[in-house]
Amino acid sequence: MKKFDVSFKTLLDVQKFVNIVNRYSFDIDLTTGRYVVDAKSIMGIFSLDLSKPIALEIHSDDCGALEEELKEFKA
């Protein structure tokens, strides 16, 4: 499992993020406080407070390609 914080500046950032993570078969979660949502769900992401960094949890050890694609979102 890999963890790091992500942040989104615009709604288009969220859309791009969801398009990227949906290409991968393993589970990916976003966590803020006591809330955990599926990172592949655009509606779930919009239920979070996007003004602060959000913890991303990738449930795979083979996630180097995904991590490289998400580097623009790292907080």
N, C-alpha and C. Protein backbone atom coordinates (compact mmCIF):
# COMPACT_ATOMS: atom_id res chain seq x y z
N MET A 1 0.85 -1.18 0.00
CA MET A 1 0.00 0.00 0.00
C MET A 1 0.89 1.24 0.00
N LYS A 2 0.46 2.25 -0.72
CA LYS A 2 1.19 3.51 -0.82
C LYS A 2 0.26 4.63 -0.39
N LYS A 3 0.78 5.60 0.37
CA LYS A 3 -0.01 6.73 0.84
C LYS A 3 0.71 8.04 0.55
N PHE A 4 -0.04 9.04 0.10
CA PHE A 4 0.46 10.40 0.00
C PHE A 4 -0.73 11.34 -0.11
N ASP A 5 -0.50 12.63 0.10
CA ASP A 5 -1.57 13.62 0.03
C ASP A 5 -1.69 14.18 -1.37
N VAL A 6 -2.93 14.45 -1.76
CA VAL A 6 -3.22 15.08 -3.05
C VAL A 6 -4.07 16.32 -2.81
N SER A 7 -4.05 17.22 -3.77
CA SER A 7 -4.92 18.39 -3.70
C SER A 7 -5.40 18.72 -5.11
N PHE A 8 -6.55 19.38 -5.17
CA PHE A 8 -7.16 19.73 -6.44
C PHE A 8 -7.42 21.23 -6.47
N LYS A 9 -7.01 21.88 -7.55
CA LYS A 9 -7.19 23.33 -7.68
C LYS A 9 -8.48 23.68 -8.40
N THR A 10 -8.89 22.84 -9.35
CA THR A 10 -10.09 23.12 -10.15
C THR A 10 -10.94 21.87 -10.27
N LEU A 11 -12.16 22.06 -10.77
CA LEU A 11 -13.03 20.92 -11.02
C LEU A 11 -12.48 20.04 -12.14
N LEU A 12 -11.79 20.65 -13.08
CA LEU A 12 -11.16 19.87 -14.15
C LEU A 12 -10.06 18.98 -13.62
N ASP A 13 -9.37 19.43 -12.56
CA ASP A 13 -8.36 18.57 -11.90
C ASP A 13 -9.00 17.30 -11.36
N VAL A 14 -10.17 17.45 -10.75
CA VAL A 14 -10.87 16.29 -10.19
C VAL A 14 -11.25 15.33 -11.32
N GLN A 15 -11.77 15.87 -12.41
CA GLN A 15 -12.17 15.04 -13.54
C GLN A 15 -10.95 14.30 -14.13
N LYS A 16 -9.85 15.00 -14.28
CA LYS A 16 -8.63 14.37 -14.81
C LYS A 16 -8.13 13.27 -13.87
N PHE A 17 -8.14 13.55 -12.57
CA PHE A 17 -7.73 12.58 -11.55
C PHE A 17 -8.58 11.31 -11.65
N VAL A 18 -9.90 11.46 -11.71
CA VAL A 18 -10.80 10.31 -11.77
C VAL A 18 -10.56 9.51 -13.05
N ASN A 19 -10.33 10.18 -14.16
CA ASN A 19 -10.05 9.49 -15.42
C ASN A 19 -8.77 8.66 -15.31
N ILE A 20 -7.77 9.18 -14.63
CA ILE A 20 -6.50 8.45 -14.46
C ILE A 20 -6.70 7.23 -13.57
N VAL A 21 -7.28 7.41 -12.39
CA VAL A 21 -7.38 6.30 -11.44
C VAL A 21 -8.31 5.20 -11.93
N ASN A 22 -9.27 5.53 -12.77
CA ASN A 22 -10.19 4.51 -13.29
C ASN A 22 -9.53 3.56 -14.28
N ARG A 23 -8.34 3.87 -14.75
CA ARG A 23 -7.63 2.97 -15.66
C ARG A 23 -6.91 1.85 -14.91
N TYR A 24 -6.90 1.90 -13.59
CA TYR A 24 -6.20 0.90 -12.77
C TYR A 24 -7.21 0.02 -12.05
N SER A 25 -6.88 -1.27 -11.94
CA SER A 25 -7.84 -2.23 -11.40
C SER A 25 -7.85 -2.32 -9.87
N PHE A 26 -6.79 -1.85 -9.21
CA PHE A 26 -6.76 -1.98 -7.76
C PHE A 26 -7.55 -0.87 -7.07
N ASP A 27 -7.85 -1.10 -5.78
CA ASP A 27 -8.64 -0.14 -5.00
C ASP A 27 -7.79 1.08 -4.65
N ILE A 28 -8.43 2.25 -4.72
CA ILE A 28 -7.79 3.51 -4.39
C ILE A 28 -8.81 4.32 -3.59
N ASP A 29 -8.40 4.78 -2.41
CA ASP A 29 -9.30 5.53 -1.54
C ASP A 29 -8.76 6.92 -1.27
N LEU A 30 -9.69 7.84 -0.99
CA LEU A 30 -9.35 9.17 -0.51
C LEU A 30 -9.92 9.30 0.89
N THR A 31 -9.11 9.83 1.81
CA THR A 31 -9.50 9.92 3.21
C THR A 31 -9.28 11.33 3.72
N THR A 32 -10.28 11.85 4.38
CA THR A 32 -10.14 13.12 5.08
C THR A 32 -10.96 13.02 6.37
N GLY A 33 -10.28 13.22 7.49
CA GLY A 33 -10.95 13.05 8.77
C GLY A 33 -11.46 11.64 8.92
N ARG A 34 -12.75 11.50 9.18
CA ARG A 34 -13.32 10.17 9.35
C ARG A 34 -14.02 9.67 8.08
N TYR A 35 -13.91 10.43 6.99
CA TYR A 35 -14.57 10.06 5.75
C TYR A 35 -13.60 9.37 4.80
N VAL A 36 -14.05 8.27 4.23
CA VAL A 36 -13.28 7.53 3.23
C VAL A 36 -14.18 7.34 2.01
N VAL A 37 -13.68 7.76 0.84
CA VAL A 37 -14.45 7.57 -0.39
C VAL A 37 -13.60 6.86 -1.43
N ASP A 38 -14.27 6.23 -2.35
CA ASP A 38 -13.60 5.57 -3.47
C ASP A 38 -13.05 6.66 -4.39
N ALA A 39 -11.75 6.64 -4.66
CA ALA A 39 -11.13 7.67 -5.50
C ALA A 39 -11.60 7.58 -6.95
N LYS A 40 -12.26 6.51 -7.31
CA LYS A 40 -12.76 6.36 -8.68
C LYS A 40 -14.15 6.95 -8.85
N SER A 41 -14.71 7.48 -7.76
CA SER A 41 -16.06 8.05 -7.77
C SER A 41 -16.00 9.57 -7.74
N ILE A 42 -16.37 10.19 -8.85
CA ILE A 42 -16.33 11.66 -8.89
C ILE A 42 -17.32 12.26 -7.89
N MET A 43 -18.47 11.61 -7.70
CA MET A 43 -19.45 12.11 -6.72
C MET A 43 -18.90 11.96 -5.30
N GLY A 44 -18.20 10.89 -5.04
CA GLY A 44 -17.59 10.71 -3.72
C GLY A 44 -16.56 11.79 -3.44
N ILE A 45 -15.75 12.12 -4.42
CA ILE A 45 -14.72 13.15 -4.24
C ILE A 45 -15.37 14.50 -3.97
N PHE A 46 -16.45 14.81 -4.68
CA PHE A 46 -17.12 16.10 -4.47
C PHE A 46 -17.80 16.19 -3.11
N SER A 47 -17.93 15.07 -2.40
CA SER A 47 -18.51 15.12 -1.05
C SER A 47 -17.46 15.51 -0.01
N LEU A 48 -16.19 15.58 -0.41
CA LEU A 48 -15.10 15.94 0.50
C LEU A 48 -14.81 17.43 0.46
N ASP A 49 -14.09 17.92 1.46
CA ASP A 49 -13.64 19.30 1.50
C ASP A 49 -12.40 19.41 0.62
N LEU A 50 -12.55 19.95 -0.57
CA LEU A 50 -11.46 20.01 -1.55
C LEU A 50 -10.53 21.20 -1.33
N SER A 51 -10.80 22.00 -0.31
CA SER A 51 -9.93 23.15 -0.05
C SER A 51 -8.67 22.75 0.73
N LYS A 52 -8.63 21.52 1.22
CA LYS A 52 -7.49 21.03 2.00
C LYS A 52 -6.90 19.81 1.31
N PRO A 53 -5.62 19.49 1.58
CA PRO A 53 -5.04 18.26 1.04
C PRO A 53 -5.81 17.03 1.54
N ILE A 54 -5.90 16.02 0.69
CA ILE A 54 -6.64 14.80 0.99
C ILE A 54 -5.68 13.62 0.91
N ALA A 55 -5.77 12.71 1.87
CA ALA A 55 -4.90 11.53 1.89
C ALA A 55 -5.36 10.52 0.85
N LEU A 56 -4.43 10.09 0.02
CA LEU A 56 -4.69 9.07 -1.01
C LEU A 56 -4.05 7.77 -0.57
N GLU A 57 -4.81 6.67 -0.63
CA GLU A 57 -4.31 5.34 -0.28
C GLU A 57 -4.47 4.45 -1.49
N ILE A 58 -3.35 3.95 -2.02
CA ILE A 58 -3.36 3.04 -3.15
C ILE A 58 -3.15 1.63 -2.58
N HIS A 59 -4.09 0.74 -2.80
CA HIS A 59 -4.04 -0.60 -2.22
C HIS A 59 -3.37 -1.58 -3.18
N SER A 60 -2.10 -1.29 -3.48
CA SER A 60 -1.30 -2.16 -4.35
C SER A 60 0.16 -1.82 -4.11
N ASP A 61 1.02 -2.83 -4.24
CA ASP A 61 2.45 -2.59 -4.12
C ASP A 61 3.07 -2.25 -5.48
N ASP A 62 2.35 -2.55 -6.56
CA ASP A 62 2.83 -2.30 -7.91
C ASP A 62 2.11 -1.09 -8.49
N CYS A 63 2.42 0.10 -7.93
CA CYS A 63 1.68 1.30 -8.32
C CYS A 63 2.58 2.42 -8.81
N GLY A 64 3.78 2.09 -9.24
CA GLY A 64 4.72 3.11 -9.70
C GLY A 64 4.21 3.92 -10.87
N ALA A 65 3.56 3.26 -11.83
CA ALA A 65 3.03 3.97 -13.00
C ALA A 65 1.93 4.94 -12.59
N LEU A 66 1.05 4.49 -11.71
CA LEU A 66 -0.02 5.37 -11.23
C LEU A 66 0.55 6.55 -10.47
N GLU A 67 1.50 6.28 -9.60
CA GLU A 67 2.10 7.36 -8.81
C GLU A 67 2.74 8.41 -9.73
N GLU A 68 3.37 7.97 -10.80
CA GLU A 68 3.98 8.89 -11.76
C GLU A 68 2.90 9.75 -12.44
N GLU A 69 1.78 9.13 -12.79
CA GLU A 69 0.70 9.88 -13.44
C GLU A 69 0.04 10.89 -12.51
N LEU A 70 0.08 10.60 -11.21
CA LEU A 70 -0.60 11.48 -10.24
C LEU A 70 0.34 12.53 -9.63
N LYS A 71 1.56 12.62 -10.09
CA LYS A 71 2.53 13.53 -9.44
C LYS A 71 2.08 14.99 -9.49
N GLU A 72 1.31 15.39 -10.48
CA GLU A 72 0.84 16.77 -10.55
C GLU A 72 -0.16 17.11 -9.46
N PHE A 73 -0.78 16.09 -8.86
CA PHE A 73 -1.76 16.31 -7.80
C PHE A 73 -1.18 16.21 -6.39
N LYS A 74 0.08 15.82 -6.28
CA LYS A 74 0.68 15.67 -4.94
C LYS A 74 0.70 17.00 -4.21
N ALA A 75 0.30 16.95 -2.95
CA ALA A 75 0.25 18.18 -2.14
C ALA A 75 1.58 18.46 -1.50
